[in-house]
N, C-alpha and C. Protein backbone atom coordinates (compact mmCIF):
# COMPACT_ATOMS: atom_id res chain seq x y z
N MET A 1 200.30 130.23 64.25
CA MET A 1 200.80 129.59 65.45
C MET A 1 201.81 128.53 65.04
N ASN A 2 202.97 128.56 65.66
CA ASN A 2 203.97 127.54 65.39
C ASN A 2 203.96 126.48 66.51
N LYS A 3 204.85 125.51 66.42
CA LYS A 3 204.85 124.40 67.38
C LYS A 3 205.10 124.89 68.81
N THR A 4 206.03 125.81 68.99
CA THR A 4 206.33 126.34 70.32
C THR A 4 205.12 127.03 70.91
N GLU A 5 204.43 127.82 70.12
CA GLU A 5 203.23 128.52 70.58
C GLU A 5 202.11 127.52 70.90
N LEU A 6 202.01 126.46 70.11
CA LEU A 6 201.02 125.42 70.36
C LEU A 6 201.29 124.73 71.69
N ILE A 7 202.55 124.41 71.95
CA ILE A 7 202.93 123.77 73.21
C ILE A 7 202.61 124.68 74.39
N GLU A 8 202.92 125.96 74.27
CA GLU A 8 202.62 126.91 75.34
C GLU A 8 201.12 127.02 75.58
N ALA A 9 200.33 127.06 74.52
CA ALA A 9 198.88 127.15 74.64
C ALA A 9 198.30 125.89 75.28
N LEU A 10 198.81 124.73 74.89
CA LEU A 10 198.35 123.46 75.46
C LEU A 10 198.70 123.39 76.94
N ALA A 11 199.89 123.81 77.29
CA ALA A 11 200.31 123.81 78.70
C ALA A 11 199.40 124.69 79.53
N ALA A 12 199.06 125.86 79.01
CA ALA A 12 198.18 126.78 79.74
C ALA A 12 196.75 126.25 79.83
N LYS A 13 196.25 125.70 78.73
CA LYS A 13 194.86 125.23 78.66
C LYS A 13 194.62 124.01 79.55
N CYS A 14 195.62 123.12 79.62
CA CYS A 14 195.42 121.85 80.32
C CYS A 14 196.18 121.77 81.65
N ASP A 15 196.79 122.87 82.06
CA ASP A 15 197.56 122.91 83.30
C ASP A 15 198.68 121.86 83.29
N PHE A 16 199.39 121.77 82.16
CA PHE A 16 200.55 120.90 82.00
C PHE A 16 201.80 121.75 82.12
N THR A 17 202.93 121.09 82.36
CA THR A 17 204.19 121.80 82.20
C THR A 17 204.46 121.89 80.71
N LYS A 18 205.35 122.78 80.32
CA LYS A 18 205.68 122.89 78.89
C LYS A 18 206.33 121.61 78.39
N VAL A 19 207.10 120.95 79.24
CA VAL A 19 207.75 119.70 78.85
C VAL A 19 206.70 118.63 78.58
N ALA A 20 205.71 118.51 79.48
CA ALA A 20 204.65 117.52 79.30
C ALA A 20 203.81 117.84 78.07
N ALA A 21 203.51 119.11 77.87
CA ALA A 21 202.74 119.52 76.69
C ALA A 21 203.53 119.22 75.41
N GLY A 22 204.82 119.44 75.44
CA GLY A 22 205.67 119.13 74.28
C GLY A 22 205.66 117.65 73.97
N ARG A 23 205.72 116.82 75.00
CA ARG A 23 205.66 115.36 74.78
C ARG A 23 204.30 114.96 74.23
N ALA A 24 203.24 115.62 74.69
CA ALA A 24 201.90 115.31 74.19
C ALA A 24 201.77 115.67 72.71
N VAL A 25 202.25 116.84 72.34
CA VAL A 25 202.19 117.27 70.93
C VAL A 25 203.03 116.33 70.07
N ASP A 26 204.25 116.02 70.52
CA ASP A 26 205.11 115.10 69.76
C ASP A 26 204.48 113.72 69.64
N GLY A 27 203.90 113.23 70.74
CA GLY A 27 203.25 111.92 70.72
C GLY A 27 202.08 111.89 69.76
N LEU A 28 201.26 112.94 69.77
CA LEU A 28 200.11 112.99 68.87
C LEU A 28 200.55 112.99 67.40
N THR A 29 201.55 113.80 67.09
CA THR A 29 202.01 113.84 65.69
C THR A 29 202.63 112.51 65.27
N GLU A 30 203.32 111.84 66.19
CA GLU A 30 203.90 110.53 65.86
C GLU A 30 202.80 109.50 65.61
N ILE A 31 201.77 109.50 66.45
CA ILE A 31 200.67 108.55 66.29
C ILE A 31 199.96 108.77 64.96
N ILE A 32 199.68 110.01 64.62
CA ILE A 32 199.01 110.31 63.35
C ILE A 32 199.90 109.90 62.18
N THR A 33 201.19 110.21 62.26
CA THR A 33 202.12 109.84 61.19
C THR A 33 202.19 108.33 61.01
N GLU A 34 202.32 107.59 62.12
CA GLU A 34 202.39 106.13 62.04
C GLU A 34 201.11 105.54 61.42
N ALA A 35 199.96 106.09 61.77
CA ALA A 35 198.71 105.60 61.20
C ALA A 35 198.65 105.86 59.70
N LEU A 36 199.07 107.06 59.27
CA LEU A 36 199.04 107.38 57.84
C LEU A 36 200.03 106.53 57.06
N VAL A 37 201.17 106.21 57.65
CA VAL A 37 202.14 105.33 56.98
C VAL A 37 201.52 103.97 56.72
N LYS A 38 200.64 103.53 57.62
CA LYS A 38 199.95 102.24 57.46
C LYS A 38 198.69 102.37 56.60
N ASP A 39 198.47 103.52 55.99
CA ASP A 39 197.27 103.81 55.17
C ASP A 39 195.98 103.81 55.99
N ASP A 40 196.08 104.06 57.29
CA ASP A 40 194.90 104.20 58.13
C ASP A 40 194.48 105.66 58.16
N ASN A 41 193.20 105.90 58.41
CA ASN A 41 192.69 107.25 58.62
C ASN A 41 192.67 107.53 60.11
N VAL A 42 192.81 108.80 60.49
CA VAL A 42 192.68 109.21 61.88
C VAL A 42 191.55 110.22 61.93
N SER A 43 190.45 109.84 62.59
CA SER A 43 189.28 110.71 62.68
C SER A 43 189.12 111.21 64.10
N ILE A 44 189.01 112.53 64.25
CA ILE A 44 188.75 113.15 65.53
C ILE A 44 187.40 113.83 65.39
N LEU A 45 186.40 113.27 66.04
CA LEU A 45 185.02 113.72 65.89
C LEU A 45 184.90 115.22 66.15
N GLY A 46 184.32 115.93 65.21
CA GLY A 46 184.14 117.36 65.32
C GLY A 46 185.33 118.18 64.86
N PHE A 47 186.52 117.59 64.83
CA PHE A 47 187.72 118.31 64.41
C PHE A 47 188.04 118.03 62.96
N GLY A 48 188.19 116.75 62.61
CA GLY A 48 188.47 116.41 61.23
C GLY A 48 189.10 115.04 61.07
N THR A 49 189.48 114.74 59.84
CA THR A 49 190.04 113.44 59.50
C THR A 49 191.34 113.61 58.73
N PHE A 50 192.36 112.90 59.18
CA PHE A 50 193.62 112.82 58.47
C PHE A 50 193.59 111.55 57.64
N ALA A 51 193.96 111.62 56.37
CA ALA A 51 193.91 110.47 55.48
C ALA A 51 195.06 110.54 54.49
N VAL A 52 195.24 109.46 53.75
CA VAL A 52 196.27 109.40 52.71
C VAL A 52 195.59 109.48 51.36
N GLY A 53 196.01 110.43 50.54
CA GLY A 53 195.48 110.57 49.19
C GLY A 53 196.46 110.04 48.17
N GLN A 54 195.96 109.74 47.00
CA GLN A 54 196.79 109.22 45.91
C GLN A 54 196.93 110.26 44.82
N ARG A 55 198.13 110.42 44.32
CA ARG A 55 198.36 111.27 43.15
C ARG A 55 198.79 110.37 42.01
N ALA A 56 198.13 110.48 40.91
CA ALA A 56 198.44 109.66 39.74
C ALA A 56 199.73 110.14 39.08
N ALA A 57 200.37 109.24 38.36
CA ALA A 57 201.54 109.63 37.57
C ALA A 57 201.08 110.61 36.49
N ARG A 58 201.93 111.56 36.18
CA ARG A 58 201.53 112.57 35.19
C ARG A 58 202.77 113.12 34.50
N THR A 59 202.53 113.89 33.47
CA THR A 59 203.60 114.54 32.74
C THR A 59 203.62 116.00 33.14
N GLY A 60 204.80 116.49 33.49
CA GLY A 60 204.95 117.89 33.85
C GLY A 60 205.93 118.56 32.91
N ARG A 61 206.27 119.79 33.19
CA ARG A 61 207.22 120.54 32.37
C ARG A 61 208.30 121.12 33.25
N ASN A 62 209.54 121.03 32.78
CA ASN A 62 210.65 121.69 33.45
C ASN A 62 210.50 123.18 33.18
N PRO A 63 210.35 124.01 34.23
CA PRO A 63 210.09 125.43 33.99
C PRO A 63 211.25 126.17 33.30
N LYS A 64 212.47 125.67 33.46
CA LYS A 64 213.61 126.35 32.83
C LYS A 64 213.71 126.04 31.34
N THR A 65 213.51 124.76 31.00
CA THR A 65 213.73 124.35 29.61
C THR A 65 212.44 124.11 28.83
N GLY A 66 211.33 123.91 29.55
CA GLY A 66 210.08 123.59 28.87
C GLY A 66 209.99 122.13 28.49
N GLU A 67 211.03 121.36 28.80
CA GLU A 67 211.08 119.95 28.46
C GLU A 67 210.05 119.16 29.28
N ALA A 68 209.38 118.19 28.64
CA ALA A 68 208.42 117.34 29.34
C ALA A 68 209.16 116.37 30.25
N ILE A 69 208.65 116.22 31.47
CA ILE A 69 209.23 115.27 32.41
C ILE A 69 208.12 114.40 32.99
N LYS A 70 208.47 113.19 33.37
CA LYS A 70 207.50 112.28 33.97
C LYS A 70 207.54 112.47 35.48
N ILE A 71 206.38 112.64 36.08
CA ILE A 71 206.26 112.75 37.53
C ILE A 71 205.61 111.46 38.01
N ALA A 72 206.28 110.75 38.92
CA ALA A 72 205.81 109.45 39.38
C ALA A 72 204.57 109.61 40.27
N ALA A 73 203.80 108.54 40.35
CA ALA A 73 202.66 108.50 41.26
C ALA A 73 203.18 108.60 42.69
N SER A 74 202.38 109.20 43.57
CA SER A 74 202.81 109.34 44.96
C SER A 74 201.61 109.41 45.89
N LYS A 75 201.89 109.26 47.17
CA LYS A 75 200.87 109.40 48.20
C LYS A 75 201.08 110.74 48.87
N THR A 76 200.00 111.33 49.39
CA THR A 76 200.10 112.60 50.06
C THR A 76 199.15 112.63 51.26
N PRO A 77 199.58 113.21 52.38
CA PRO A 77 198.66 113.32 53.51
C PRO A 77 197.61 114.39 53.22
N LYS A 78 196.39 114.13 53.67
CA LYS A 78 195.29 115.07 53.46
C LYS A 78 194.55 115.26 54.77
N PHE A 79 193.95 116.43 54.93
CA PHE A 79 193.13 116.72 56.11
C PHE A 79 191.80 117.24 55.65
N SER A 80 190.73 116.69 56.21
CA SER A 80 189.39 117.15 55.91
C SER A 80 188.78 117.65 57.21
N ALA A 81 188.42 118.91 57.26
CA ALA A 81 187.89 119.52 58.48
C ALA A 81 186.51 118.97 58.81
N GLY A 82 186.25 118.80 60.11
CA GLY A 82 184.95 118.35 60.59
C GLY A 82 183.96 119.50 60.67
N THR A 83 182.71 119.17 60.92
CA THR A 83 181.66 120.19 60.91
C THR A 83 181.83 121.22 62.03
N LYS A 84 182.23 120.79 63.22
CA LYS A 84 182.41 121.74 64.32
C LYS A 84 183.55 122.71 64.03
N LEU A 85 184.64 122.22 63.46
CA LEU A 85 185.77 123.08 63.11
C LEU A 85 185.36 124.07 62.03
N LYS A 86 184.66 123.61 61.01
CA LYS A 86 184.18 124.50 59.94
C LYS A 86 183.27 125.58 60.50
N ALA A 87 182.37 125.18 61.39
CA ALA A 87 181.45 126.15 61.98
C ALA A 87 182.19 127.18 62.82
N ALA A 88 183.19 126.73 63.58
CA ALA A 88 183.96 127.66 64.42
C ALA A 88 184.73 128.66 63.57
N VAL A 89 185.29 128.21 62.47
CA VAL A 89 186.05 129.09 61.59
C VAL A 89 185.14 130.09 60.89
N ASN A 90 183.93 129.69 60.58
CA ASN A 90 183.01 130.55 59.85
C ASN A 90 182.13 131.43 60.73
N THR A 91 182.26 131.32 62.04
CA THR A 91 181.49 132.16 62.95
C THR A 91 182.10 133.55 62.98
N LYS A 92 181.25 134.57 62.93
CA LYS A 92 181.74 135.95 62.95
C LYS A 92 182.27 136.28 64.34
N PRO A 93 183.29 137.15 64.44
CA PRO A 93 183.91 137.48 65.73
C PRO A 93 182.90 137.95 66.80
N ALA A 94 181.91 138.75 66.44
CA ALA A 94 180.93 139.23 67.41
C ALA A 94 180.11 138.07 67.97
N ALA A 95 179.78 137.11 67.11
CA ALA A 95 179.03 135.95 67.55
C ALA A 95 179.86 135.07 68.48
N LYS A 96 181.17 135.00 68.22
CA LYS A 96 182.06 134.23 69.08
C LYS A 96 182.12 134.85 70.47
N ALA A 97 182.21 136.15 70.55
CA ALA A 97 182.27 136.84 71.83
C ALA A 97 180.97 136.65 72.60
N ALA A 98 179.84 136.69 71.91
CA ALA A 98 178.54 136.50 72.55
C ALA A 98 178.41 135.06 73.05
N ALA A 99 178.92 134.10 72.28
CA ALA A 99 178.85 132.70 72.68
C ALA A 99 179.70 132.44 73.93
N LYS A 100 180.83 133.13 74.07
CA LYS A 100 181.69 132.96 75.23
C LYS A 100 181.02 133.49 76.49
N LYS A 101 180.21 134.53 76.36
CA LYS A 101 179.55 135.13 77.52
C LYS A 101 178.46 134.24 78.08
N LYS A 102 177.89 133.37 77.25
CA LYS A 102 176.79 132.49 77.70
C LYS A 102 177.29 131.44 78.57
């Protein structure tokens, strides 16, 4: 699913216009980005947690020449899935269909 498909799905699910759904998706991504820039975590109960991870400085190799190069330390965004999301992903399709019927 790409961003356009996500916006269309959100519009259908929440009875929004596509424009309003697009603003909601853009707003959510901006809020998460701003929090991560400040080294804050964003936790959505049952869905997961967005956090900033640290990568240590290390030595790598130039694949063309084999020469050793220094790679600087950096920060990277990370996502850790919540228990409900993990359970939903690991549920078998037949069980999902049965759960929808209940």
